[in-house]
Every structure is written in structure tokens, then in C-alpha cells.
PDB file of all heavy atoms in Angstrom:
ATOM      1  N   ARG A   1       6.822  11.848  -2.718  1.00  0.00           N
ATOM      2  CA  ARG A   1       6.229  11.484  -3.993  1.00  0.00           C
ATOM      3  C   ARG A   1       6.869  10.208  -4.502  1.00  0.00           C
ATOM      4  O   ARG A   1       8.056   9.973  -4.275  1.00  0.00           O
ATOM      5  CB  ARG A   1       6.465  12.571  -5.060  1.00  0.00           C
ATOM      6  CG  ARG A   1       5.864  13.923  -4.780  1.00  0.00           C
ATOM      7  CD  ARG A   1       4.382  13.976  -4.627  1.00  0.00           C
ATOM      8  NE  ARG A   1       3.682  13.592  -5.841  1.00  0.00           N
ATOM      9  CZ  ARG A   1       2.373  13.368  -5.908  1.00  0.00           C
ATOM     10  NH1 ARG A   1       1.648  13.454  -4.826  1.00  0.00           N
ATOM     11  NH2 ARG A   1       1.813  13.032  -7.027  1.00  0.00           N
ATOM     12  N   LEU A   2       6.068   9.409  -5.191  1.00  0.00           N
ATOM     13  CA  LEU A   2       6.591   8.207  -5.836  1.00  0.00           C
ATOM     14  C   LEU A   2       7.051   8.567  -7.243  1.00  0.00           C
ATOM     15  O   LEU A   2       6.434   9.409  -7.906  1.00  0.00           O
ATOM     16  CB  LEU A   2       5.507   7.141  -5.942  1.00  0.00           C
ATOM     17  CG  LEU A   2       4.984   6.529  -4.640  1.00  0.00           C
ATOM     18  CD1 LEU A   2       3.767   5.661  -4.918  1.00  0.00           C
ATOM     19  CD2 LEU A   2       6.093   5.729  -3.979  1.00  0.00           C
ATOM     20  N   ALA A   3       8.094   7.914  -7.726  1.00  0.00           N
ATOM     21  CA  ALA A   3       8.491   8.049  -9.121  1.00  0.00           C
ATOM     22  C   ALA A   3       7.295   7.663  -9.983  1.00  0.00           C
ATOM     23  O   ALA A   3       6.654   6.649  -9.738  1.00  0.00           O
ATOM     24  CB  ALA A   3       9.703   7.168  -9.418  1.00  0.00           C
ATOM     25  N   GLY A   4       6.971   8.471 -10.960  1.00  0.00           N
ATOM     26  CA  GLY A   4       5.820   8.191 -11.817  1.00  0.00           C
ATOM     27  C   GLY A   4       4.551   8.808 -11.295  1.00  0.00           C
ATOM     28  O   GLY A   4       3.501   8.721 -11.908  1.00  0.00           O
ATOM     29  N   GLY A   5       4.584   9.395 -10.102  1.00  0.00           N
ATOM     30  CA  GLY A   5       3.435  10.064  -9.514  1.00  0.00           C
ATOM     31  C   GLY A   5       2.841   9.328  -8.341  1.00  0.00           C
ATOM     32  O   GLY A   5       3.111   8.151  -8.118  1.00  0.00           O
ATOM     33  N   GLY A   6       2.084  10.010  -7.588  1.00  0.00           N
ATOM     34  CA  GLY A   6       1.431   9.452  -6.393  1.00  0.00           C
ATOM     35  C   GLY A   6       2.147   9.851  -5.134  1.00  0.00           C
ATOM     36  O   GLY A   6       3.369  10.078  -5.132  1.00  0.00           O
ATOM     37  N   PRO A   7       1.397   9.922  -4.028  1.00  0.00           N
ATOM     38  CA  PRO A   7       1.966  10.334  -2.757  1.00  0.00           C
ATOM     39  C   PRO A   7       2.608   9.176  -2.009  1.00  0.00           C
ATOM     40  O   PRO A   7       2.340   8.000  -2.291  1.00  0.00           O
ATOM     41  CB  PRO A   7       0.747  10.825  -1.980  1.00  0.00           C
ATOM     42  CG  PRO A   7      -0.354   9.938  -2.486  1.00  0.00           C
ATOM     43  CD  PRO A   7      -0.050   9.741  -3.962  1.00  0.00           C
ATOM     44  N   VAL A   8       3.470   9.523  -1.086  1.00  0.00           N
ATOM     45  CA  VAL A   8       4.026   8.559  -0.104  1.00  0.00           C
ATOM     46  C   VAL A   8       4.311   9.327   1.170  1.00  0.00           C
ATOM     47  O   VAL A   8       4.790  10.445   1.136  1.00  0.00           O
ATOM     48  CB  VAL A   8       5.321   7.860  -0.653  1.00  0.00           C
ATOM     49  CG1 VAL A   8       6.413   8.849  -0.967  1.00  0.00           C
ATOM     50  CG2 VAL A   8       5.825   6.828   0.325  1.00  0.00           C
ATOM     51  N   GLU A   9       3.919   8.733   2.307  1.00  0.00           N
ATOM     52  CA  GLU A   9       4.189   9.346   3.598  1.00  0.00           C
ATOM     53  C   GLU A   9       5.702   9.485   3.797  1.00  0.00           C
ATOM     54  O   GLU A   9       6.448   8.571   3.422  1.00  0.00           O
ATOM     55  CB  GLU A   9       3.702   8.464   4.745  1.00  0.00           C
ATOM     56  CG  GLU A   9       2.236   8.365   4.929  1.00  0.00           C
ATOM     57  CD  GLU A   9       1.883   7.471   6.132  1.00  0.00           C
ATOM     58  OE1 GLU A   9       2.697   6.598   6.514  1.00  0.00           O
ATOM     59  OE2 GLU A   9       0.786   7.652   6.640  1.00  0.00           O
ATOM     60  N   ALA A  10       6.126  10.574   4.382  1.00  0.00           N
ATOM     61  CA  ALA A  10       7.523  10.698   4.792  1.00  0.00           C
ATOM     62  C   ALA A  10       7.801   9.648   5.865  1.00  0.00           C
ATOM     63  O   ALA A  10       6.931   9.310   6.668  1.00  0.00           O
ATOM     64  CB  ALA A  10       7.792  12.100   5.337  1.00  0.00           C
ATOM     65  N   GLY A  11       9.012   9.119   5.875  1.00  0.00           N
ATOM     66  CA  GLY A  11       9.436   8.212   6.925  1.00  0.00           C
ATOM     67  C   GLY A  11       9.271   6.732   6.633  1.00  0.00           C
ATOM     68  O   GLY A  11       9.711   5.903   7.439  1.00  0.00           O
ATOM     69  N   VAL A  12       8.679   6.347   5.519  1.00  0.00           N
ATOM     70  CA  VAL A  12       8.504   4.917   5.225  1.00  0.00           C
ATOM     71  C   VAL A  12       9.853   4.342   4.791  1.00  0.00           C
ATOM     72  O   VAL A  12      10.474   4.834   3.853  1.00  0.00           O
ATOM     73  CB  VAL A  12       7.443   4.705   4.127  1.00  0.00           C
ATOM     74  CG1 VAL A  12       7.250   3.203   3.894  1.00  0.00           C
ATOM     75  CG2 VAL A  12       6.114   5.348   4.523  1.00  0.00           C
ATOM     76  N   PRO A  13      10.327   3.294   5.490  1.00  0.00           N
ATOM     77  CA  PRO A  13      11.659   2.763   5.191  1.00  0.00           C
ATOM     78  C   PRO A  13      11.763   1.949   3.893  1.00  0.00           C
ATOM     79  O   PRO A  13      10.749   1.476   3.360  1.00  0.00           O
ATOM     80  CB  PRO A  13      11.944   1.817   6.389  1.00  0.00           C
ATOM     81  CG  PRO A  13      10.784   1.857   7.290  1.00  0.00           C
ATOM     82  CD  PRO A  13       9.698   2.648   6.639  1.00  0.00           C
ATOM     83  N   PHE A  14      12.996   1.789   3.445  1.00  0.00           N
ATOM     84  CA  PHE A  14      13.337   0.933   2.312  1.00  0.00           C
ATOM     85  C   PHE A  14      12.692  -0.449   2.477  1.00  0.00           C
ATOM     86  O   PHE A  14      12.693  -1.029   3.576  1.00  0.00           O
ATOM     87  CB  PHE A  14      14.860   0.758   2.230  1.00  0.00           C
ATOM     88  CG  PHE A  14      15.297  -0.335   1.297  1.00  0.00           C
ATOM     89  CD1 PHE A  14      15.458  -0.079  -0.055  1.00  0.00           C
ATOM     90  CD2 PHE A  14      15.573  -1.615   1.769  1.00  0.00           C
ATOM     91  CE1 PHE A  14      15.860  -1.067  -0.935  1.00  0.00           C
ATOM     92  CE2 PHE A  14      15.965  -2.604   0.901  1.00  0.00           C
ATOM     93  CZ  PHE A  14      16.122  -2.334  -0.449  1.00  0.00           C
ATOM     94  N   GLY A  15      12.139  -0.991   1.395  1.00  0.00           N
ATOM     95  CA  GLY A  15      11.573  -2.334   1.412  1.00  0.00           C
ATOM     96  C   GLY A  15      10.171  -2.442   1.953  1.00  0.00           C
ATOM     97  O   GLY A  15       9.585  -3.519   1.873  1.00  0.00           O
ATOM     98  N   HIS A  16       9.635  -1.357   2.472  1.00  0.00           N
ATOM     99  CA  HIS A  16       8.287  -1.407   3.014  1.00  0.00           C
ATOM    100  C   HIS A  16       7.264  -1.051   1.928  1.00  0.00           C
ATOM    101  O   HIS A  16       7.604  -0.503   0.884  1.00  0.00           O
ATOM    102  CB  HIS A  16       8.138  -0.457   4.204  1.00  0.00           C
ATOM    103  CG  HIS A  16       8.722  -1.035   5.442  1.00  0.00           C
ATOM    104  ND1 HIS A  16       8.001  -1.266   6.589  1.00  0.00           N
ATOM    105  CD2 HIS A  16      10.001  -1.399   5.738  1.00  0.00           C
ATOM    106  CE1 HIS A  16       8.796  -1.775   7.535  1.00  0.00           C
ATOM    107  NE2 HIS A  16      10.018  -1.865   7.031  1.00  0.00           N
ATOM    108  N   LYS A  17       6.008  -1.352   2.210  1.00  0.00           N
ATOM    109  CA  LYS A  17       4.918  -1.148   1.255  1.00  0.00           C
ATOM    110  C   LYS A  17       4.183   0.155   1.499  1.00  0.00           C
ATOM    111  O   LYS A  17       4.053   0.606   2.619  1.00  0.00           O
ATOM    112  CB  LYS A  17       3.927  -2.311   1.358  1.00  0.00           C
ATOM    113  CG  LYS A  17       4.535  -3.653   1.019  1.00  0.00           C
ATOM    114  CD  LYS A  17       3.589  -4.804   1.338  1.00  0.00           C
ATOM    115  CE  LYS A  17       3.226  -4.969   2.788  1.00  0.00           C
ATOM    116  NZ  LYS A  17       4.339  -5.147   3.729  1.00  0.00           N
ATOM    117  N   VAL A  18       3.688   0.726   0.384  1.00  0.00           N
ATOM    118  CA  VAL A  18       2.878   1.932   0.414  1.00  0.00           C
ATOM    119  C   VAL A  18       1.657   1.680  -0.466  1.00  0.00           C
ATOM    120  O   VAL A  18       1.760   1.092  -1.542  1.00  0.00           O
ATOM    121  CB  VAL A  18       3.681   3.132  -0.135  1.00  0.00           C
ATOM    122  CG1 VAL A  18       2.810   4.365  -0.272  1.00  0.00           C
ATOM    123  CG2 VAL A  18       4.864   3.414   0.734  1.00  0.00           C
ATOM    124  N   ALA A  19       0.476   2.110   0.005  1.00  0.00           N
ATOM    125  CA  ALA A  19      -0.735   1.988  -0.793  1.00  0.00           C
ATOM    126  C   ALA A  19      -0.661   2.899  -2.013  1.00  0.00           C
ATOM    127  O   ALA A  19      -0.275   4.051  -1.907  1.00  0.00           O
ATOM    128  CB  ALA A  19      -1.951   2.336   0.058  1.00  0.00           C
ATOM    129  N   VAL A  20      -1.042   2.363  -3.168  1.00  0.00           N
ATOM    130  CA  VAL A  20      -1.120   3.182  -4.396  1.00  0.00           C
ATOM    131  C   VAL A  20      -2.560   3.498  -4.735  1.00  0.00           C
ATOM    132  O   VAL A  20      -2.834   4.241  -5.685  1.00  0.00           O
ATOM    133  CB  VAL A  20      -0.404   2.502  -5.578  1.00  0.00           C
ATOM    134  CG1 VAL A  20       1.085   2.413  -5.331  1.00  0.00           C
ATOM    135  CG2 VAL A  20      -0.988   1.139  -5.885  1.00  0.00           C
ATOM    136  N   ALA A  21      -3.483   2.960  -3.985  1.00  0.00           N
ATOM    137  CA  ALA A  21      -4.911   3.212  -4.145  1.00  0.00           C
ATOM    138  C   ALA A  21      -5.535   3.083  -2.762  1.00  0.00           C
ATOM    139  O   ALA A  21      -4.941   2.492  -1.867  1.00  0.00           O
ATOM    140  CB  ALA A  21      -5.527   2.194  -5.089  1.00  0.00           C
ATOM    141  N   ALA A  22      -6.725   3.634  -2.623  1.00  0.00           N
ATOM    142  CA  ALA A  22      -7.431   3.476  -1.345  1.00  0.00           C
ATOM    143  C   ALA A  22      -7.759   1.991  -1.158  1.00  0.00           C
ATOM    144  O   ALA A  22      -8.106   1.301  -2.112  1.00  0.00           O
ATOM    145  CB  ALA A  22      -8.717   4.286  -1.364  1.00  0.00           C
ATOM    146  N   ILE A  23      -7.586   1.515   0.073  1.00  0.00           N
ATOM    147  CA  ILE A  23      -7.862   0.117   0.414  1.00  0.00           C
ATOM    148  C   ILE A  23      -8.876   0.147   1.558  1.00  0.00           C
ATOM    149  O   ILE A  23      -8.590   0.699   2.622  1.00  0.00           O
ATOM    150  CB  ILE A  23      -6.599  -0.640   0.845  1.00  0.00           C
ATOM    151  CG1 ILE A  23      -5.506  -0.535  -0.249  1.00  0.00           C
ATOM    152  CG2 ILE A  23      -6.902  -2.098   1.163  1.00  0.00           C
ATOM    153  CD1 ILE A  23      -4.151  -1.078   0.178  1.00  0.00           C
ATOM    154  N   ALA A  24     -10.046  -0.411   1.336  1.00  0.00           N
ATOM    155  CA  ALA A  24     -11.093  -0.435   2.355  1.00  0.00           C
ATOM    156  C   ALA A  24     -10.804  -1.432   3.444  1.00  0.00           C
ATOM    157  O   ALA A  24     -10.086  -2.439   3.229  1.00  0.00           O
ATOM    158  CB  ALA A  24     -12.427  -0.771   1.701  1.00  0.00           C
ATOM    159  N   GLN A  25     -11.354  -1.201   4.632  1.00  0.00           N
ATOM    160  CA  GLN A  25     -11.221  -2.168   5.710  1.00  0.00           C
ATOM    161  C   GLN A  25     -11.738  -3.509   5.240  1.00  0.00           C
ATOM    162  O   GLN A  25     -12.790  -3.605   4.642  1.00  0.00           O
ATOM    163  CB  GLN A  25     -12.003  -1.688   6.931  1.00  0.00           C
ATOM    164  CG  GLN A  25     -11.851  -2.619   8.131  1.00  0.00           C
ATOM    165  CD  GLN A  25     -12.517  -2.056   9.376  1.00  0.00           C
ATOM    166  OE1 GLN A  25     -12.939  -0.898   9.413  1.00  0.00           O
ATOM    167  NE2 GLN A  25     -12.597  -2.861  10.399  1.00  0.00           N
ATOM    168  N   GLY A  26     -10.961  -4.556   5.458  1.00  0.00           N
ATOM    169  CA  GLY A  26     -11.316  -5.918   5.056  1.00  0.00           C
ATOM    170  C   GLY A  26     -10.909  -6.276   3.645  1.00  0.00           C
ATOM    171  O   GLY A  26     -10.931  -7.459   3.297  1.00  0.00           O
ATOM    172  N   GLU A  27     -10.530  -5.282   2.852  1.00  0.00           N
ATOM    173  CA  GLU A  27     -10.131  -5.549   1.458  1.00  0.00           C
ATOM    174  C   GLU A  27      -8.764  -6.236   1.393  1.00  0.00           C
ATOM    175  O   GLU A  27      -7.885  -6.015   2.243  1.00  0.00           O
ATOM    176  CB  GLU A  27     -10.057  -4.239   0.683  1.00  0.00           C
ATOM    177  CG  GLU A  27      -9.780  -4.399  -0.791  1.00  0.00           C
ATOM    178  CD  GLU A  27      -9.755  -3.067  -1.519  1.00  0.00           C
ATOM    179  OE1 GLU A  27     -10.247  -2.055  -0.987  1.00  0.00           O
ATOM    180  OE2 GLU A  27      -9.270  -3.051  -2.660  1.00  0.00           O
ATOM    181  N   ALA A  28      -8.588  -7.077   0.394  1.00  0.00           N
ATOM    182  CA  ALA A  28      -7.306  -7.760   0.195  1.00  0.00           C
ATOM    183  C   ALA A  28      -6.216  -6.767  -0.168  1.00  0.00           C
ATOM    184  O   ALA A  28      -6.440  -5.831  -0.928  1.00  0.00           O
ATOM    185  CB  ALA A  28      -7.442  -8.798  -0.921  1.00  0.00           C
ATOM    186  N   VAL A  29      -5.041  -7.002   0.394  1.00  0.00           N
ATOM    187  CA  VAL A  29      -3.833  -6.244   0.049  1.00  0.00           C
ATOM    188  C   VAL A  29      -3.060  -7.092  -0.927  1.00  0.00           C
ATOM    189  O   VAL A  29      -2.722  -8.237  -0.628  1.00  0.00           O
ATOM    190  CB  VAL A  29      -3.003  -5.899   1.297  1.00  0.00           C
ATOM    191  CG1 VAL A  29      -1.702  -5.223   0.914  1.00  0.00           C
ATOM    192  CG2 VAL A  29      -3.797  -5.030   2.266  1.00  0.00           C
ATOM    193  N   ARG A  30      -2.807  -6.547  -2.118  1.00  0.00           N
ATOM    194  CA  ARG A  30      -2.166  -7.304  -3.197  1.00  0.00           C
ATOM    195  C   ARG A  30      -0.773  -6.738  -3.501  1.00  0.00           C
ATOM    196  O   ARG A  30      -0.641  -5.546  -3.779  1.00  0.00           O
ATOM    197  CB  ARG A  30      -3.015  -7.278  -4.445  1.00  0.00           C
ATOM    198  CG  ARG A  30      -4.247  -8.100  -4.332  1.00  0.00           C
ATOM    199  CD  ARG A  30      -5.042  -8.101  -5.635  1.00  0.00           C
ATOM    200  NE  ARG A  30      -6.137  -9.040  -5.607  1.00  0.00           N
ATOM    201  CZ  ARG A  30      -7.286  -8.821  -4.980  1.00  0.00           C
ATOM    202  NH1 ARG A  30      -7.489  -7.685  -4.369  1.00  0.00           N
ATOM    203  NH2 ARG A  30      -8.230  -9.755  -4.980  1.00  0.00           N
ATOM    204  N   LYS A  31       0.206  -7.610  -3.517  1.00  0.00           N
ATOM    205  CA  LYS A  31       1.594  -7.254  -3.837  1.00  0.00           C
ATOM    206  C   LYS A  31       2.112  -8.338  -4.794  1.00  0.00           C
ATOM    207  O   LYS A  31       1.983  -9.531  -4.499  1.00  0.00           O
ATOM    208  CB  LYS A  31       2.426  -7.211  -2.568  1.00  0.00           C
ATOM    209  CG  LYS A  31       3.914  -6.976  -2.786  1.00  0.00           C
ATOM    210  CD  LYS A  31       4.628  -6.979  -1.435  1.00  0.00           C
ATOM    211  CE  LYS A  31       6.123  -6.973  -1.646  1.00  0.00           C
ATOM    212  NZ  LYS A  31       6.822  -7.013  -0.350  1.00  0.00           N
ATOM    213  N   TYR A  32       2.702  -7.916  -5.914  1.00  0.00           N
ATOM    214  CA  TYR A  32       3.242  -8.824  -6.913  1.00  0.00           C
ATOM    215  C   TYR A  32       2.216  -9.830  -7.391  1.00  0.00           C
ATOM    216  O   TYR A  32       2.489 -10.992  -7.673  1.00  0.00           O
ATOM    217  CB  TYR A  32       4.475  -9.556  -6.384  1.00  0.00           C
ATOM    218  CG  TYR A  32       5.572  -8.689  -5.843  1.00  0.00           C
ATOM    219  CD1 TYR A  32       6.419  -9.171  -4.843  1.00  0.00           C
ATOM    220  CD2 TYR A  32       5.782  -7.398  -6.292  1.00  0.00           C
ATOM    221  CE1 TYR A  32       7.442  -8.380  -4.327  1.00  0.00           C
ATOM    222  CE2 TYR A  32       6.814  -6.599  -5.791  1.00  0.00           C
ATOM    223  CZ  TYR A  32       7.639  -7.100  -4.821  1.00  0.00           C
ATOM    224  OH  TYR A  32       8.634  -6.302  -4.310  1.00  0.00           O
ATOM    225  N   GLY A  33       0.926  -9.392  -7.428  1.00  0.00           N
ATOM    226  CA  GLY A  33      -0.142 -10.249  -7.910  1.00  0.00           C
ATOM    227  C   GLY A  33      -0.668 -11.245  -6.911  1.00  0.00           C
ATOM    228  O   GLY A  33      -1.481 -12.102  -7.255  1.00  0.00           O
ATOM    229  N   VAL A  34      -0.212 -11.148  -5.658  1.00  0.00           N
ATOM    230  CA  VAL A  34      -0.592 -12.122  -4.626  1.00  0.00           C
ATOM    231  C   VAL A  34      -1.263 -11.391  -3.451  1.00  0.00           C
ATOM    232  O   VAL A  34      -0.818 -10.329  -3.057  1.00  0.00           O
ATOM    233  CB  VAL A  34       0.672 -12.863  -4.125  1.00  0.00           C
ATOM    234  CG1 VAL A  34       0.364 -13.798  -2.979  1.00  0.00           C
ATOM    235  CG2 VAL A  34       1.354 -13.586  -5.262  1.00  0.00           C
ATOM    236  N   VAL A  35      -2.312 -11.990  -2.899  1.00  0.00           N
ATOM    237  CA  VAL A  35      -2.938 -11.441  -1.703  1.00  0.00           C
ATOM    238  C   VAL A  35      -1.999 -11.736  -0.549  1.00  0.00           C
ATOM    239  O   VAL A  35      -1.679 -12.908  -0.259  1.00  0.00           O
ATOM    240  CB  VAL A  35      -4.329 -12.054  -1.455  1.00  0.00           C
ATOM    241  CG1 VAL A  35      -4.883 -11.579  -0.114  1.00  0.00           C
ATOM    242  CG2 VAL A  35      -5.276 -11.682  -2.593  1.00  0.00           C
ATOM    243  N   ILE A  36      -1.537 -10.674   0.130  1.00  0.00           N
ATOM    244  CA  ILE A  36      -0.591 -10.859   1.238  1.00  0.00           C
ATOM    245  C   ILE A  36      -1.232 -10.547   2.601  1.00  0.00           C
ATOM    246  O   ILE A  36      -0.574 -10.707   3.637  1.00  0.00           O
ATOM    247  CB  ILE A  36       0.661  -9.978   1.056  1.00  0.00           C
ATOM    248  CG1 ILE A  36       0.304  -8.511   1.001  1.00  0.00           C
ATOM    249  CG2 ILE A  36       1.436 -10.443  -0.194  1.00  0.00           C
ATOM    250  CD1 ILE A  36       1.482  -7.572   1.173  1.00  0.00           C
ATOM    251  N   GLY A  37      -2.489 -10.139   2.586  1.00  0.00           N
ATOM    252  CA  GLY A  37      -3.174  -9.840   3.825  1.00  0.00           C
ATOM    253  C   GLY A  37      -4.443  -9.070   3.543  1.00  0.00           C
ATOM    254  O   GLY A  37      -4.847  -8.940   2.386  1.00  0.00           O
ATOM    255  N   HIS A  38      -5.035  -8.552   4.622  1.00  0.00           N
ATOM    256  CA  HIS A  38      -6.267  -7.778   4.503  1.00  0.00           C
ATOM    257  C   HIS A  38      -6.156  -6.535   5.398  1.00  0.00           C
ATOM    258  O   HIS A  38      -5.557  -6.605   6.493  1.00  0.00           O
ATOM    259  CB  HIS A  38      -7.474  -8.610   4.922  1.00  0.00           C
ATOM    260  CG  HIS A  38      -7.753  -9.693   3.939  1.00  0.00           C
ATOM    261  ND1 HIS A  38      -7.117 -10.917   3.964  1.00  0.00           N
ATOM    262  CD2 HIS A  38      -8.586  -9.740   2.882  1.00  0.00           C
ATOM    263  CE1 HIS A  38      -7.545 -11.666   2.954  1.00  0.00           C
ATOM    264  NE2 HIS A  38      -8.444 -10.965   2.284  1.00  0.00           N
ATOM    265  N   ALA A  39      -6.705  -5.457   4.927  1.00  0.00           N
ATOM    266  CA  ALA A  39      -6.645  -4.189   5.672  1.00  0.00           C
ATOM    267  C   ALA A  39      -7.487  -4.304   6.932  1.00  0.00           C
ATOM    268  O   ALA A  39      -8.633  -4.748   6.877  1.00  0.00           O
ATOM    269  CB  ALA A  39      -7.144  -3.049   4.798  1.00  0.00           C
ATOM    270  N   THR A  40      -6.906  -3.901   8.052  1.00  0.00           N
ATOM    271  CA  THR A  40      -7.639  -3.924   9.329  1.00  0.00           C
ATOM    272  C   THR A  40      -8.382  -2.618   9.560  1.00  0.00           C
ATOM    273  O   THR A  40      -9.152  -2.521  10.511  1.00  0.00           O
ATOM    274  CB  THR A  40      -6.690  -4.205  10.501  1.00  0.00           C
ATOM    275  OG1 THR A  40      -5.683  -3.201  10.518  1.00  0.00           O
ATOM    276  CG2 THR A  40      -6.050  -5.579  10.370  1.00  0.00           C
ATOM    277  N   ARG A  41      -8.132  -1.632   8.701  1.00  0.00           N
ATOM    278  CA  ARG A  41      -8.833  -0.351   8.728  1.00  0.00           C
ATOM    279  C   ARG A  41      -8.643   0.283   7.354  1.00  0.00           C
ATOM    280  O   ARG A  41      -7.828  -0.199   6.562  1.00  0.00           O
ATOM    281  CB  ARG A  41      -8.252   0.553   9.812  1.00  0.00           C
ATOM    282  CG  ARG A  41      -6.802   0.915   9.633  1.00  0.00           C
ATOM    283  CD  ARG A  41      -6.411   2.017  10.615  1.00  0.00           C
ATOM    284  NE  ARG A  41      -5.014   2.422  10.488  1.00  0.00           N
ATOM    285  CZ  ARG A  41      -4.540   3.200   9.510  1.00  0.00           C
ATOM    286  NH1 ARG A  41      -5.302   3.604   8.534  1.00  0.00           N
ATOM    287  NH2 ARG A  41      -3.264   3.530   9.507  1.00  0.00           N
ATOM    288  N   PRO A  42      -9.385   1.347   7.027  1.00  0.00           N
ATOM    289  CA  PRO A  42      -9.182   1.980   5.734  1.00  0.00           C
ATOM    290  C   PRO A  42      -7.733   2.496   5.612  1.00  0.00           C
ATOM    291  O   PRO A  42      -7.159   3.015   6.567  1.00  0.00           O
ATOM    292  CB  PRO A  42     -10.171   3.143   5.755  1.00  0.00           C
ATOM    293  CG  PRO A  42     -11.208   2.744   6.739  1.00  0.00           C
ATOM    294  CD  PRO A  42     -10.491   1.950   7.777  1.00  0.00           C
TER     295      PRO A  42
END
């Protein structure tokens, strides 16, 4: 679980990213207000 609510997969290391919403294939991935890539699958 994430602090404040929401799921997180077990095993994700420190400093890595976790989706807080569903991200469709091809959709922009946004971190800190910046597009950092695009999802290659849902």
C-alpha cells in the first residue's frame, strides 16, 4: 500500500516509479509534471 492510499506491487525498489492511475498503451507517463515516456502496454 502507498501512504495515503492506493496499491503498490510488492518488490518495487527504492526510487522506482509506480502507477497511481491506469495508463493506457501509448499514453504519456508523467512524473513531476513532465512527460518522461509513453506506456508500451496498459
